[in-house]
Amino acid sequence: MDSSGQPFWSGPKRSPQPETFNAADPLHLDFVWTCANLIFANIGLPAIERAAVEAIAVAMPAAEYMRKVIAVETPEEAKEREAAGRPAPQSTANESDDDEPVIT
């Protein structure tokens, strides 16, 4: 909901949709390859070749996207909640850092 109480994703705004990863799609593969090399550069590892990324991506099955629902509270809402003595909103998603990453 936006500040006026209307649904945020309405009218000309469209909600983003998950894209299923396809190792045969050059755009998908280039994205993964580029991101991997950015991470490697930041942690001091040598760059990985595109062919190696492609071999890994083809061999790894894509996991199904699992949508998480989170509660977002603005500072104004937090002040109102605290003034009313209500507890902070709780997320329904599993917030464990030990979860496996989801690749779609």
PDB file of N, CA and C in Angstrom:
ATOM      1  N   MET A   1       0.840  -1.181   0.000  1.00  0.00           N
ATOM      2  CA  MET A   1       0.000   0.000   0.000  1.00  0.00           C
ATOM      3  C   MET A   1       0.887   1.246   0.000  1.00  0.00           C
ATOM      4  N   ASP A   2       0.446   2.264  -0.678  1.00  0.00           N
ATOM      5  CA  ASP A   2       1.201   3.513  -0.663  1.00  0.00           C
ATOM      6  C   ASP A   2       0.711   4.389   0.492  1.00  0.00           C
ATOM      7  N   SER A   3       1.234   5.609   0.598  1.00  0.00           N
ATOM      8  CA  SER A   3       0.899   6.476   1.730  1.00  0.00           C
ATOM      9  C   SER A   3      -0.571   6.886   1.748  1.00  0.00           C
ATOM     10  N   SER A   4      -1.252   6.810   0.605  1.00  0.00           N
ATOM     11  CA  SER A   4      -2.672   7.168   0.577  1.00  0.00           C
ATOM     12  C   SER A   4      -3.572   5.950   0.782  1.00  0.00           C
ATOM     13  N   GLY A   5      -2.975   4.767   1.006  1.00  0.00           N
ATOM     14  CA  GLY A   5      -3.763   3.564   1.261  1.00  0.00           C
ATOM     15  C   GLY A   5      -4.134   2.772   0.021  1.00  0.00           C
ATOM     16  N   GLN A   6      -3.663   3.207  -1.129  1.00  0.00           N
ATOM     17  CA  GLN A   6      -3.955   2.504  -2.385  1.00  0.00           C
ATOM     18  C   GLN A   6      -2.896   1.434  -2.627  1.00  0.00           C
ATOM     19  N   PRO A   7      -3.241   0.355  -3.357  1.00  0.00           N
ATOM     20  CA  PRO A   7      -2.226  -0.662  -3.675  1.00  0.00           C
ATOM     21  C   PRO A   7      -1.072  -0.038  -4.449  1.00  0.00           C
ATOM     22  N   PHE A   8       0.166  -0.340  -4.024  1.00  0.00           N
ATOM     23  CA  PHE A   8       1.341   0.242  -4.678  1.00  0.00           C
ATOM     24  C   PHE A   8       1.452  -0.208  -6.127  1.00  0.00           C
ATOM     25  N   TRP A   9       1.289  -1.511  -6.374  1.00  0.00           N
ATOM     26  CA  TRP A   9       1.411  -2.036  -7.736  1.00  0.00           C
ATOM     27  C   TRP A   9       0.059  -1.951  -8.426  1.00  0.00           C
ATOM     28  N   SER A  10      -0.295  -0.763  -8.896  1.00  0.00           N
ATOM     29  CA  SER A  10      -1.552  -0.556  -9.603  1.00  0.00           C
ATOM     30  C   SER A  10      -1.346   0.483 -10.684  1.00  0.00           C
ATOM     31  N   GLY A  11      -2.325   0.594 -11.555  1.00  0.00           N
ATOM     32  CA  GLY A  11      -2.245   1.568 -12.649  1.00  0.00           C
ATOM     33  C   GLY A  11      -1.076   1.262 -13.566  1.00  0.00           C
ATOM     34  N   PRO A  12      -0.230   2.271 -13.852  1.00  0.00           N
ATOM     35  CA  PRO A  12       0.875   2.036 -14.789  1.00  0.00           C
ATOM     36  C   PRO A  12       2.040   1.251 -14.180  1.00  0.00           C
ATOM     37  N   LYS A  13       2.077   1.127 -12.846  1.00  0.00           N
ATOM     38  CA  LYS A  13       3.171   0.387 -12.207  1.00  0.00           C
ATOM     39  C   LYS A  13       2.864  -1.105 -12.267  1.00  0.00           C
ATOM     40  N   ARG A  14       3.849  -1.878 -12.662  1.00  0.00           N
ATOM     41  CA  ARG A  14       3.686  -3.329 -12.751  1.00  0.00           C
ATOM     42  C   ARG A  14       4.636  -4.009 -11.783  1.00  0.00           C
ATOM     43  N   SER A  15       4.124  -4.987 -11.086  1.00  0.00           N
ATOM     44  CA  SER A  15       4.919  -5.748 -10.130  1.00  0.00           C
ATOM     45  C   SER A  15       5.987  -6.553 -10.865  1.00  0.00           C
ATOM     46  N   PRO A  16       7.209  -6.600 -10.334  1.00  0.00           N
ATOM     47  CA  PRO A  16       8.247  -7.422 -10.965  1.00  0.00           C
ATOM     48  C   PRO A  16       7.879  -8.899 -10.868  1.00  0.00           C
ATOM     49  N   GLN A  17       8.237  -9.652 -11.869  1.00  0.00           N
ATOM     50  CA  GLN A  17       7.959 -11.082 -11.909  1.00  0.00           C
ATOM     51  C   GLN A  17       9.272 -11.851 -11.915  1.00  0.00           C
ATOM     52  N   PRO A  18       9.328 -12.990 -11.228  1.00  0.00           N
ATOM     53  CA  PRO A  18      10.578 -13.774 -11.240  1.00  0.00           C
ATOM     54  C   PRO A  18      10.848 -14.349 -12.621  1.00  0.00           C
ATOM     55  N   GLU A  19      12.099 -14.412 -12.971  1.00  0.00           N
ATOM     56  CA  GLU A  19      12.535 -14.973 -14.253  1.00  0.00           C
ATOM     57  C   GLU A  19      13.216 -16.312 -13.962  1.00  0.00           C
ATOM     58  N   THR A  20      12.782 -17.364 -14.619  1.00  0.00           N
ATOM     59  CA  THR A  20      13.395 -18.673 -14.430  1.00  0.00           C
ATOM     60  C   THR A  20      14.741 -18.694 -15.132  1.00  0.00           C
ATOM     61  N   PHE A  21      15.778 -19.110 -14.383  1.00  0.00           N
ATOM     62  CA  PHE A  21      17.123 -19.145 -14.950  1.00  0.00           C
ATOM     63  C   PHE A  21      17.207 -20.179 -16.059  1.00  0.00           C
ATOM     64  N   ASN A  22      17.843 -19.796 -17.168  1.00  0.00           N
ATOM     65  CA  ASN A  22      18.032 -20.678 -18.309  1.00  0.00           C
ATOM     66  C   ASN A  22      19.503 -20.582 -18.711  1.00  0.00           C
ATOM     67  N   ALA A  23      20.255 -21.656 -18.453  1.00  0.00           N
ATOM     68  CA  ALA A  23      21.694 -21.657 -18.753  1.00  0.00           C
ATOM     69  C   ALA A  23      21.967 -21.544 -20.241  1.00  0.00           C
ATOM     70  N   ALA A  24      20.981 -21.836 -21.076  1.00  0.00           N
ATOM     71  CA  ALA A  24      21.163 -21.724 -22.529  1.00  0.00           C
ATOM     72  C   ALA A  24      20.961 -20.287 -23.030  1.00  0.00           C
ATOM     73  N   ASP A  25      20.413 -19.434 -22.197  1.00  0.00           N
ATOM     74  CA  ASP A  25      20.178 -18.039 -22.576  1.00  0.00           C
ATOM     75  C   ASP A  25      21.461 -17.245 -22.324  1.00  0.00           C
ATOM     76  N   PRO A  26      22.066 -16.667 -23.370  1.00  0.00           N
ATOM     77  CA  PRO A  26      23.328 -15.922 -23.193  1.00  0.00           C
ATOM     78  C   PRO A  26      23.202 -14.744 -22.217  1.00  0.00           C
ATOM     79  N   LEU A  27      22.052 -14.098 -22.172  1.00  0.00           N
ATOM     80  CA  LEU A  27      21.862 -12.973 -21.252  1.00  0.00           C
ATOM     81  C   LEU A  27      21.902 -13.449 -19.798  1.00  0.00           C
ATOM     82  N   HIS A  28      21.252 -14.573 -19.510  1.00  0.00           N
ATOM     83  CA  HIS A  28      21.266 -15.128 -18.160  1.00  0.00           C
ATOM     84  C   HIS A  28      22.684 -15.538 -17.767  1.00  0.00           C
ATOM     85  N   LEU A  29      23.349 -16.221 -18.669  1.00  0.00           N
ATOM     86  CA  LEU A  29      24.700 -16.701 -18.394  1.00  0.00           C
ATOM     87  C   LEU A  29      25.675 -15.535 -18.212  1.00  0.00           C
ATOM     88  N   ASP A  30      25.566 -14.517 -19.037  1.00  0.00           N
ATOM     89  CA  ASP A  30      26.433 -13.337 -18.901  1.00  0.00           C
ATOM     90  C   ASP A  30      26.211 -12.638 -17.557  1.00  0.00           C
ATOM     91  N   PHE A  31      24.965 -12.593 -17.113  1.00  0.00           N
ATOM     92  CA  PHE A  31      24.664 -11.980 -15.815  1.00  0.00           C
ATOM     93  C   PHE A  31      25.371 -12.732 -14.691  1.00  0.00           C
ATOM     94  N   VAL A  32      25.244 -14.055 -14.671  1.00  0.00           N
ATOM     95  CA  VAL A  32      25.870 -14.868 -13.626  1.00  0.00           C
ATOM     96  C   VAL A  32      27.387 -14.760 -13.698  1.00  0.00           C
ATOM     97  N   TRP A  33      27.937 -14.825 -14.894  1.00  0.00           N
ATOM     98  CA  TRP A  33      29.393 -14.748 -15.102  1.00  0.00           C
ATOM     99  C   TRP A  33      29.934 -13.401 -14.605  1.00  0.00           C
ATOM    100  N   THR A  34      29.248 -12.323 -14.972  1.00  0.00           N
ATOM    101  CA  THR A  34      29.685 -10.986 -14.569  1.00  0.00           C
ATOM    102  C   THR A  34      29.598 -10.812 -13.054  1.00  0.00           C
ATOM    103  N   CYS A  35      28.486 -11.247 -12.462  1.00  0.00           N
ATOM    104  CA  CYS A  35      28.340 -11.136 -11.009  1.00  0.00           C
ATOM    105  C   CYS A  35      29.392 -11.965 -10.281  1.00  0.00           C
ATOM    106  N   ALA A  36      29.666 -13.165 -10.773  1.00  0.00           N
ATOM    107  CA  ALA A  36      30.683 -14.010 -10.151  1.00  0.00           C
ATOM    108  C   ALA A  36      32.041 -13.315 -10.191  1.00  0.00           C
ATOM    109  N   ASN A  37      32.385 -12.734 -11.319  1.00  0.00           N
ATOM    110  CA  ASN A  37      33.679 -12.060 -11.434  1.00  0.00           C
ATOM    111  C   ASN A  37      33.758 -10.796 -10.580  1.00  0.00           C
ATOM    112  N   LEU A  38      32.640 -10.093 -10.407  1.00  0.00           N
ATOM    113  CA  LEU A  38      32.631  -8.931  -9.507  1.00  0.00           C
ATOM    114  C   LEU A  38      32.886  -9.368  -8.064  1.00  0.00           C
ATOM    115  N   ILE A  39      32.237 -10.450  -7.662  1.00  0.00           N
ATOM    116  CA  ILE A  39      32.443 -10.965  -6.303  1.00  0.00           C
ATOM    117  C   ILE A  39      33.880 -11.444  -6.143  1.00  0.00           C
ATOM    118  N   PHE A  40      34.384 -12.190  -7.127  1.00  0.00           N
ATOM    119  CA  PHE A  40      35.764 -12.696  -7.062  1.00  0.00           C
ATOM    120  C   PHE A  40      36.761 -11.551  -6.948  1.00  0.00           C
ATOM    121  N   ALA A  41      36.551 -10.490  -7.722  1.00  0.00           N
ATOM    122  CA  ALA A  41      37.459  -9.342  -7.683  1.00  0.00           C
ATOM    123  C   ALA A  41      37.450  -8.686  -6.303  1.00  0.00           C
ATOM    124  N   ASN A  42      36.284  -8.618  -5.688  1.00  0.00           N
ATOM    125  CA  ASN A  42      36.167  -7.987  -4.370  1.00  0.00           C
ATOM    126  C   ASN A  42      36.800  -8.801  -3.260  1.00  0.00           C
ATOM    127  N   ILE A  43      36.881 -10.115  -3.424  1.00  0.00           N
ATOM    128  CA  ILE A  43      37.475 -10.930  -2.370  1.00  0.00           C
ATOM    129  C   ILE A  43      38.868 -11.422  -2.736  1.00  0.00           C
ATOM    130  N   GLY A  44      39.415 -10.892  -3.844  1.00  0.00           N
ATOM    131  CA  GLY A  44      40.796 -11.165  -4.193  1.00  0.00           C
ATOM    132  C   GLY A  44      41.041 -12.480  -4.914  1.00  0.00           C
ATOM    133  N   LEU A  45      40.031 -13.039  -5.533  1.00  0.00           N
ATOM    134  CA  LEU A  45      40.204 -14.270  -6.300  1.00  0.00           C
ATOM    135  C   LEU A  45      40.380 -13.941  -7.778  1.00  0.00           C
ATOM    136  N   PRO A  46      41.033 -14.822  -8.533  1.00  0.00           N
ATOM    137  CA  PRO A  46      41.155 -14.569  -9.976  1.00  0.00           C
ATOM    138  C   PRO A  46      39.806 -14.747 -10.670  1.00  0.00           C
ATOM    139  N   ALA A  47      39.657 -14.076 -11.792  1.00  0.00           N
ATOM    140  CA  ALA A  47      38.413 -14.150 -12.578  1.00  0.00           C
ATOM    141  C   ALA A  47      38.191 -15.579 -13.075  1.00  0.00           C
ATOM    142  N   ILE A  48      36.928 -15.917 -13.269  1.00  0.00           N
ATOM    143  CA  ILE A  48      36.556 -17.228 -13.781  1.00  0.00           C
ATOM    144  C   ILE A  48      36.186 -17.085 -15.258  1.00  0.00           C
ATOM    145  N   GLU A  49      36.529 -18.073 -16.043  1.00  0.00           N
ATOM    146  CA  GLU A  49      36.214 -18.046 -17.473  1.00  0.00           C
ATOM    147  C   GLU A  49      34.723 -18.286 -17.700  1.00  0.00           C
ATOM    148  N   ARG A  50      34.202 -17.701 -18.762  1.00  0.00           N
ATOM    149  CA  ARG A  50      32.773 -17.853 -19.077  1.00  0.00           C
ATOM    150  C   ARG A  50      32.414 -19.316 -19.307  1.00  0.00           C
ATOM    151  N   ALA A  51      33.286 -20.065 -19.965  1.00  0.00           N
ATOM    152  CA  ALA A  51      33.013 -21.485 -20.242  1.00  0.00           C
ATOM    153  C   ALA A  51      32.878 -22.281 -18.946  1.00  0.00           C
ATOM    154  N   ALA A  52      33.663 -21.940 -17.937  1.00  0.00           N
ATOM    155  CA  ALA A  52      33.574 -22.634 -16.653  1.00  0.00           C
ATOM    156  C   ALA A  52      32.241 -22.333 -15.976  1.00  0.00           C
ATOM    157  N   VAL A  53      31.801 -21.082 -16.043  1.00  0.00           N
ATOM    158  CA  VAL A  53      30.512 -20.701 -15.469  1.00  0.00           C
ATOM    159  C   VAL A  53      29.390 -21.429 -16.200  1.00  0.00           C
ATOM    160  N   GLU A  54      29.505 -21.514 -17.512  1.00  0.00           N
ATOM    161  CA  GLU A  54      28.478 -22.215 -18.299  1.00  0.00           C
ATOM    162  C   GLU A  54      28.398 -23.686 -17.904  1.00  0.00           C
ATOM    163  N   ALA A  55      29.550 -24.347 -17.735  1.00  0.00           N
ATOM    164  CA  ALA A  55      29.562 -25.763 -17.349  1.00  0.00           C
ATOM    165  C   ALA A  55      28.923 -25.953 -15.973  1.00  0.00           C
ATOM    166  N   ILE A  56      29.204 -25.053 -15.050  1.00  0.00           N
ATOM    167  CA  ILE A  56      28.622 -25.145 -13.709  1.00  0.00           C
ATOM    168  C   ILE A  56      27.117 -24.912 -13.775  1.00  0.00           C
ATOM    169  N   ALA A  57      26.704 -23.897 -14.519  1.00  0.00           N
ATOM    170  CA  ALA A  57      25.281 -23.547 -14.615  1.00  0.00           C
ATOM    171  C   ALA A  57      24.460 -24.660 -15.262  1.00  0.00           C
ATOM    172  N   VAL A  58      25.008 -25.297 -16.282  1.00  0.00           N
ATOM    173  CA  VAL A  58      24.294 -26.384 -16.959  1.00  0.00           C
ATOM    174  C   VAL A  58      24.144 -27.576 -16.024  1.00  0.00           C
ATOM    175  N   ALA A  59      25.154 -27.846 -15.203  1.00  0.00           N
ATOM    176  CA  ALA A  59      25.135 -29.001 -14.312  1.00  0.00           C
ATOM    177  C   ALA A  59      24.271 -28.778 -13.067  1.00  0.00           C
ATOM    178  N   MET A  60      24.015 -27.526 -12.714  1.00  0.00           N
ATOM    179  CA  MET A  60      23.277 -27.224 -11.484  1.00  0.00           C
ATOM    180  C   MET A  60      21.793 -27.034 -11.791  1.00  0.00           C
ATOM    181  N   PRO A  61      20.918 -27.790 -11.127  1.00  0.00           N
ATOM    182  CA  PRO A  61      19.486 -27.604 -11.370  1.00  0.00           C
ATOM    183  C   PRO A  61      19.006 -26.292 -10.755  1.00  0.00           C
ATOM    184  N   ALA A  62      18.087 -25.647 -11.435  1.00  0.00           N
ATOM    185  CA  ALA A  62      17.529 -24.393 -10.924  1.00  0.00           C
ATOM    186  C   ALA A  62      16.449 -24.712  -9.907  1.00  0.00           C
ATOM    187  N   ALA A  63      16.532 -24.100  -8.740  1.00  0.00           N
ATOM    188  CA  ALA A  63      15.531 -24.287  -7.692  1.00  0.00           C
ATOM    189  C   ALA A  63      14.314 -23.424  -8.001  1.00  0.00           C
ATOM    190  N   GLU A  64      13.168 -23.870  -7.526  1.00  0.00           N
ATOM    191  CA  GLU A  64      11.940 -23.113  -7.729  1.00  0.00           C
ATOM    192  C   GLU A  64      11.957 -21.861  -6.860  1.00  0.00           C
ATOM    193  N   TYR A  65      11.491 -20.752  -7.401  1.00  0.00           N
ATOM    194  CA  TYR A  65      11.423 -19.492  -6.667  1.00  0.00           C
ATOM    195  C   TYR A  65      10.367 -19.608  -5.570  1.00  0.00           C
ATOM    196  N   MET A  66      10.748 -19.238  -4.348  1.00  0.00           N
ATOM    197  CA  MET A  66       9.822 -19.248  -3.223  1.00  0.00           C
ATOM    198  C   MET A  66       9.663 -17.809  -2.748  1.00  0.00           C
ATOM    199  N   ARG A  67       8.480 -17.246  -2.924  1.00  0.00           N
ATOM    200  CA  ARG A  67       8.228 -15.863  -2.554  1.00  0.00           C
ATOM    201  C   ARG A  67       8.222 -15.713  -1.042  1.00  0.00           C
ATOM    202  N   LYS A  68       8.906 -14.682  -0.549  1.00  0.00           N
ATOM    203  CA  LYS A  68       8.921 -14.380   0.877  1.00  0.00           C
ATOM    204  C   LYS A  68       8.013 -13.188   1.133  1.00  0.00           C
ATOM    205  N   VAL A  69       7.292 -13.244   2.218  1.00  0.00           N
ATOM    206  CA  VAL A  69       6.441 -12.137   2.628  1.00  0.00           C
ATOM    207  C   VAL A  69       7.110 -11.487   3.829  1.00  0.00           C
ATOM    208  N   ILE A  70       7.387 -10.204   3.716  1.00  0.00           N
ATOM    209  CA  ILE A  70       8.035  -9.490   4.812  1.00  0.00           C
ATOM    210  C   ILE A  70       7.174  -8.308   5.231  1.00  0.00           C
ATOM    211  N   ALA A  71       7.306  -7.927   6.470  1.00  0.00           N
ATOM    212  CA  ALA A  71       6.587  -6.769   6.984  1.00  0.00           C
ATOM    213  C   ALA A  71       7.529  -5.575   6.959  1.00  0.00           C
ATOM    214  N   VAL A  72       7.094  -4.496   6.330  1.00  0.00           N
ATOM    215  CA  VAL A  72       7.899  -3.274   6.252  1.00  0.00           C
ATOM    216  C   VAL A  72       7.154  -2.183   7.011  1.00  0.00           C
ATOM    217  N   GLU A  73       7.869  -1.515   7.881  1.00  0.00           N
ATOM    218  CA  GLU A  73       7.263  -0.489   8.714  1.00  0.00           C
ATOM    219  C   GLU A  73       8.003   0.825   8.504  1.00  0.00           C
ATOM    220  N   THR A  74       7.263   1.887   8.201  1.00  0.00           N
ATOM    221  CA  THR A  74       7.868   3.206   8.047  1.00  0.00           C
ATOM    222  C   THR A  74       8.159   3.784   9.427  1.00  0.00           C
ATOM    223  N   PRO A  75       9.046   4.782   9.515  1.00  0.00           N
ATOM    224  CA  PRO A  75       9.316   5.411  10.819  1.00  0.00           C
ATOM    225  C   PRO A  75       8.051   5.985  11.470  1.00  0.00           C
ATOM    226  N   GLU A  76       7.156   6.551  10.659  1.00  0.00           N
ATOM    227  CA  GLU A  76       5.916   7.105  11.201  1.00  0.00           C
ATOM    228  C   GLU A  76       5.042   6.005  11.792  1.00  0.00           C
ATOM    229  N   GLU A  77       4.960   4.863  11.088  1.00  0.00           N
ATOM    230  CA  GLU A  77       4.177   3.732  11.589  1.00  0.00           C
ATOM    231  C   GLU A  77       4.795   3.175  12.870  1.00  0.00           C
ATOM    232  N   ALA A  78       6.127   3.163  12.946  1.00  0.00           N
ATOM    233  CA  ALA A  78       6.799   2.665  14.147  1.00  0.00           C
ATOM    234  C   ALA A  78       6.482   3.554  15.343  1.00  0.00           C
ATOM    235  N   LYS A  79       6.479   4.880  15.147  1.00  0.00           N
ATOM    236  CA  LYS A  79       6.155   5.803  16.238  1.00  0.00           C
ATOM    237  C   LYS A  79       4.720   5.589  16.717  1.00  0.00           C
ATOM    238  N   GLU A  80       3.794   5.430  15.763  1.00  0.00           N
ATOM    239  CA  GLU A  80       2.391   5.201  16.128  1.00  0.00           C
ATOM    240  C   GLU A  80       2.244   3.884  16.881  1.00  0.00           C
ATOM    241  N   ARG A  81       2.925   2.836  16.407  1.00  0.00           N
ATOM    242  CA  ARG A  81       2.851   1.523  17.038  1.00  0.00           C
ATOM    243  C   ARG A  81       3.408   1.580  18.458  1.00  0.00           C
ATOM    244  N   GLU A  82       4.576   2.238  18.617  1.00  0.00           N
ATOM    245  CA  GLU A  82       5.197   2.346  19.937  1.00  0.00           C
ATOM    246  C   GLU A  82       4.324   3.164  20.885  1.00  0.00           C
ATOM    247  N   ALA A  83       3.702   4.236  20.376  1.00  0.00           N
ATOM    248  CA  ALA A  83       2.823   5.060  21.205  1.00  0.00           C
ATOM    249  C   ALA A  83       1.609   4.264  21.668  1.00  0.00           C
ATOM    250  N   ALA A  84       1.135   3.355  20.817  1.00  0.00           N
ATOM    251  CA  ALA A  84      -0.025   2.532  21.164  1.00  0.00           C
ATOM    252  C   ALA A  84       0.375   1.318  21.995  1.00  0.00           C
ATOM    253  N   GLY A  85       1.697   1.062  22.128  1.00  0.00           N
ATOM    254  CA  GLY A  85       2.168  -0.066  22.923  1.00  0.00           C
ATOM    255  C   GLY A  85       2.042  -1.409  22.228  1.00  0.00           C
ATOM    256  N   ARG A  86       1.949  -1.411  20.917  1.00  0.00           N
ATOM    257  CA  ARG A  86       1.843  -2.672  20.170  1.00  0.00           C
ATOM    258  C   ARG A  86       3.240  -3.210  19.862  1.00  0.00           C
ATOM    259  N   PRO A  87       3.386  -4.552  19.727  1.00  0.00           N
ATOM    260  CA  PRO A  87       4.699  -5.129  19.399  1.00  0.00           C
ATOM    261  C   PRO A  87       5.068  -4.873  17.938  1.00  0.00           C
ATOM    262  N   ALA A  88       6.353  -5.004  17.634  1.00  0.00           N
ATOM    263  CA  ALA A  88       6.842  -4.816  16.265  1.00  0.00           C
ATOM    264  C   ALA A  88       6.274  -5.904  15.363  1.00  0.00           C
ATOM    265  N   PRO A  89       6.050  -5.599  14.073  1.00  0.00           N
ATOM    266  CA  PRO A  89       5.527  -6.619  13.156  1.00  0.00           C
ATOM    267  C   PRO A  89       6.524  -7.758  12.980  1.00  0.00           C
ATOM    268  N   GLN A  90       6.014  -8.950  12.835  1.00  0.00           N
ATOM    269  CA  GLN A  90       6.846 -10.136  12.643  1.00  0.00           C
ATOM    270  C   GLN A  90       6.711 -10.606  11.211  1.00  0.00           C
ATOM    271  N   SER A  91       7.824 -10.977  10.609  1.00  0.00           N
ATOM    272  CA  SER A  91       7.820 -11.506   9.249  1.00  0.00           C
ATOM    273  C   SER A  91       7.377 -12.952   9.279  1.00  0.00           C
ATOM    274  N   THR A  92       6.635 -13.379   8.243  1.00  0.00           N
ATOM    275  CA  THR A  92       6.202 -14.771   8.152  1.00  0.00           C
ATOM    276  C   THR A  92       7.243 -15.625   7.457  1.00  0.00           C
ATOM    277  N   ALA A  93       8.269 -14.993   6.910  1.00  0.00           N
ATOM    278  CA  ALA A  93       9.317 -15.730   6.193  1.00  0.00           C
ATOM    279  C   ALA A  93      10.341 -16.269   7.169  1.00  0.00           C
ATOM    280  N   ASN A  94      11.032 -17.324   6.770  1.00  0.00           N
ATOM    281  CA  ASN A  94      12.125 -17.879   7.550  1.00  0.00           C
ATOM    282  C   ASN A  94      13.316 -16.953   7.355  1.00  0.00           C
ATOM    283  N   GLU A  95      13.778 -16.333   8.419  1.00  0.00           N
ATOM    284  CA  GLU A  95      14.843 -15.338   8.307  1.00  0.00           C
ATOM    285  C   GLU A  95      16.213 -15.888   8.663  1.00  0.00           C
ATOM    286  N   SER A  96      16.378 -17.198   8.628  1.00  0.00           N
ATOM    287  CA  SER A  96      17.644 -17.818   8.999  1.00  0.00           C
ATOM    288  C   SER A  96      18.715 -17.517   7.966  1.00  0.00           C
ATOM    289  N   ASP A  97      19.917 -17.194   8.441  1.00  0.00           N
ATOM    290  CA  ASP A  97      21.039 -16.966   7.538  1.00  0.00           C
ATOM    291  C   ASP A  97      21.592 -18.275   6.995  1.00  0.00           C
ATOM    292  N   ASP A  98      21.131 -19.400   7.553  1.00  0.00           N
ATOM    293  CA  ASP A  98      21.633 -20.704   7.125  1.00  0.00           C
ATOM    294  C   ASP A  98      20.876 -21.263   5.932  1.00  0.00           C
ATOM    295  N   ASP A  99      19.848 -20.551   5.447  1.00  0.00           N
ATOM    296  CA  ASP A  99      19.079 -21.040   4.299  1.00  0.00           C
ATOM    297  C   ASP A  99      19.950 -21.099   3.057  1.00  0.00           C
ATOM    298  N   GLU A 100      19.680 -22.077   2.236  1.00  0.00           N
ATOM    299  CA  GLU A 100      20.364 -22.183   0.951  1.00  0.00           C
ATOM    300  C   GLU A 100      19.868 -21.073   0.032  1.00  0.00           C
ATOM    301  N   PRO A 101      20.724 -20.480  -0.793  1.00  0.00           N
ATOM    302  CA  PRO A 101      20.260 -19.466  -1.733  1.00  0.00           C
ATOM    303  C   PRO A 101      19.358 -20.095  -2.787  1.00  0.00           C
ATOM    304  N   VAL A 102      18.380 -19.319  -3.240  1.00  0.00           N
ATOM    305  CA  VAL A 102      17.440 -19.796  -4.245  1.00  0.00           C
ATOM    306  C   VAL A 102      17.879 -19.264  -5.602  1.00  0.00           C
ATOM    307  N   ILE A 103      18.124 -20.159  -6.543  1.00  0.00           N
ATOM    308  CA  ILE A 103      18.519 -19.779  -7.900  1.00  0.00           C
ATOM    309  C   ILE A 103      17.384 -20.161  -8.819  1.00  0.00           C
ATOM    310  N   THR A 104      16.853 -19.179  -9.561  1.00  0.00           N
ATOM    311  CA  THR A 104      15.768 -19.489 -10.485  1.00  0.00           C
ATOM    312  C   THR A 104      16.143 -19.095 -11.877  1.00  0.00           C
TER     313      THR A 104
END
